[in-house]
């Protein structure tokens, strides 16, 4: 499965600070728990990447005239 493949998998996502000054991204799906800890600078880089991906996704979902593209 690639980044551009659809999936029927559902997951829970939690993001928050840890008691050790890290930022934790916690993913839980199908009985699997994945805690990922990042220092604050890394977390900000990830946030920037998410914002950039959201902007690209938004742009690709719109036609040149600004109306939503039909699937």
C-alpha atoms as a PDB file:
ATOM      1  CA  UNK A   1       0.000   0.000   0.000  1.00  0.00           C
ATOM      2  CA  UNK A   2       1.340   3.403  -0.931  1.00  0.00           C
ATOM      3  CA  UNK A   3       0.645   6.910   0.254  1.00  0.00           C
ATOM      4  CA  UNK A   4      -1.852   7.420  -2.572  1.00  0.00           C
ATOM      5  CA  UNK A   5      -3.789   4.162  -2.063  1.00  0.00           C
ATOM      6  CA  UNK A   6      -7.219   4.099  -0.454  1.00  0.00           C
ATOM      7  CA  UNK A   7      -7.711   1.944   2.613  1.00  0.00           C
ATOM      8  CA  UNK A   8     -10.571   0.633   4.724  1.00  0.00           C
ATOM      9  CA  UNK A   9      -8.385   0.619   7.832  1.00  0.00           C
ATOM     10  CA  UNK A  10      -9.591   2.876  10.615  1.00  0.00           C
ATOM     11  CA  UNK A  11      -7.347   4.208  13.348  1.00  0.00           C
ATOM     12  CA  UNK A  12      -7.399   6.494  16.346  1.00  0.00           C
ATOM     13  CA  UNK A  13      -4.857   9.300  16.461  1.00  0.00           C
ATOM     14  CA  UNK A  14      -3.848  11.255  19.541  1.00  0.00           C
ATOM     15  CA  UNK A  15      -1.223  13.991  19.720  1.00  0.00           C
ATOM     16  CA  UNK A  16       0.065  15.631  22.876  1.00  0.00           C
ATOM     17  CA  UNK A  17       3.053  16.495  25.053  1.00  0.00           C
ATOM     18  CA  UNK A  18       4.783  13.908  27.236  1.00  0.00           C
ATOM     19  CA  UNK A  19       6.060  14.438  30.768  1.00  0.00           C
ATOM     20  CA  UNK A  20       9.604  14.403  29.343  1.00  0.00           C
ATOM     21  CA  UNK A  21       9.107  17.398  27.024  1.00  0.00           C
ATOM     22  CA  UNK A  22       8.526  15.398  23.865  1.00  0.00           C
ATOM     23  CA  UNK A  23       5.559  15.466  21.510  1.00  0.00           C
ATOM     24  CA  UNK A  24       3.865  12.094  21.165  1.00  0.00           C
ATOM     25  CA  UNK A  25       1.863  10.970  18.158  1.00  0.00           C
ATOM     26  CA  UNK A  26      -0.065   7.900  19.270  1.00  0.00           C
ATOM     27  CA  UNK A  27      -1.758   5.700  16.664  1.00  0.00           C
ATOM     28  CA  UNK A  28      -4.021   2.798  17.552  1.00  0.00           C
ATOM     29  CA  UNK A  29      -5.476   0.486  14.909  1.00  0.00           C
ATOM     30  CA  UNK A  30      -6.604  -3.135  14.829  1.00  0.00           C
ATOM     31  CA  UNK A  31      -5.250  -3.806  18.325  1.00  0.00           C
ATOM     32  CA  UNK A  32      -1.840  -2.307  17.542  1.00  0.00           C
ATOM     33  CA  UNK A  33      -0.581   0.744  19.439  1.00  0.00           C
ATOM     34  CA  UNK A  34       2.216   2.867  17.976  1.00  0.00           C
ATOM     35  CA  UNK A  35       3.633   5.622  20.199  1.00  0.00           C
ATOM     36  CA  UNK A  36       6.023   7.934  18.349  1.00  0.00           C
ATOM     37  CA  UNK A  37       7.921  10.593  20.311  1.00  0.00           C
ATOM     38  CA  UNK A  38       9.515  13.647  18.710  1.00  0.00           C
ATOM     39  CA  UNK A  39      11.409  16.572  20.108  1.00  0.00           C
ATOM     40  CA  UNK A  40       9.542  19.874  19.691  1.00  0.00           C
ATOM     41  CA  UNK A  41      11.596  20.930  16.644  1.00  0.00           C
ATOM     42  CA  UNK A  42      10.880  17.647  14.864  1.00  0.00           C
ATOM     43  CA  UNK A  43       7.185  17.969  15.758  1.00  0.00           C
ATOM     44  CA  UNK A  44       7.078  21.443  14.203  1.00  0.00           C
ATOM     45  CA  UNK A  45       8.708  20.084  11.033  1.00  0.00           C
ATOM     46  CA  UNK A  46       6.045  17.356  10.888  1.00  0.00           C
ATOM     47  CA  UNK A  47       3.321  19.973  11.399  1.00  0.00           C
ATOM     48  CA  UNK A  48       4.774  22.015   8.522  1.00  0.00           C
ATOM     49  CA  UNK A  49       4.761  18.914   6.300  1.00  0.00           C
ATOM     50  CA  UNK A  50       1.120  18.203   7.205  1.00  0.00           C
ATOM     51  CA  UNK A  51       0.131  21.810   6.410  1.00  0.00           C
ATOM     52  CA  UNK A  52       1.965  21.659   3.067  1.00  0.00           C
ATOM     53  CA  UNK A  53       0.307  18.336   2.181  1.00  0.00           C
ATOM     54  CA  UNK A  54      -3.111  19.759   3.111  1.00  0.00           C
ATOM     55  CA  UNK A  55      -2.502  22.758   0.849  1.00  0.00           C
ATOM     56  CA  UNK A  56      -1.476  20.478  -2.043  1.00  0.00           C
ATOM     57  CA  UNK A  57      -4.506  18.231  -1.468  1.00  0.00           C
ATOM     58  CA  UNK A  58      -6.798  21.255  -1.381  1.00  0.00           C
ATOM     59  CA  UNK A  59      -5.286  22.587  -4.601  1.00  0.00           C
ATOM     60  CA  UNK A  60      -5.603  19.240  -6.377  1.00  0.00           C
ATOM     61  CA  UNK A  61      -9.254  18.964  -5.307  1.00  0.00           C
ATOM     62  CA  UNK A  62     -10.116  22.233  -7.028  1.00  0.00           C
ATOM     63  CA  UNK A  63     -10.399  22.937 -10.711  1.00  0.00           C
ATOM     64  CA  UNK A  64      -8.800  26.019 -12.158  1.00  0.00           C
ATOM     65  CA  UNK A  65     -12.043  27.968 -11.610  1.00  0.00           C
ATOM     66  CA  UNK A  66     -12.150  27.221  -7.871  1.00  0.00           C
ATOM     67  CA  UNK A  67     -15.073  24.813  -7.953  1.00  0.00           C
ATOM     68  CA  UNK A  68     -14.705  21.388  -6.367  1.00  0.00           C
ATOM     69  CA  UNK A  69     -13.798  18.593  -8.735  1.00  0.00           C
ATOM     70  CA  UNK A  70     -16.408  15.815  -9.060  1.00  0.00           C
ATOM     71  CA  UNK A  71     -15.198  12.303  -8.299  1.00  0.00           C
END
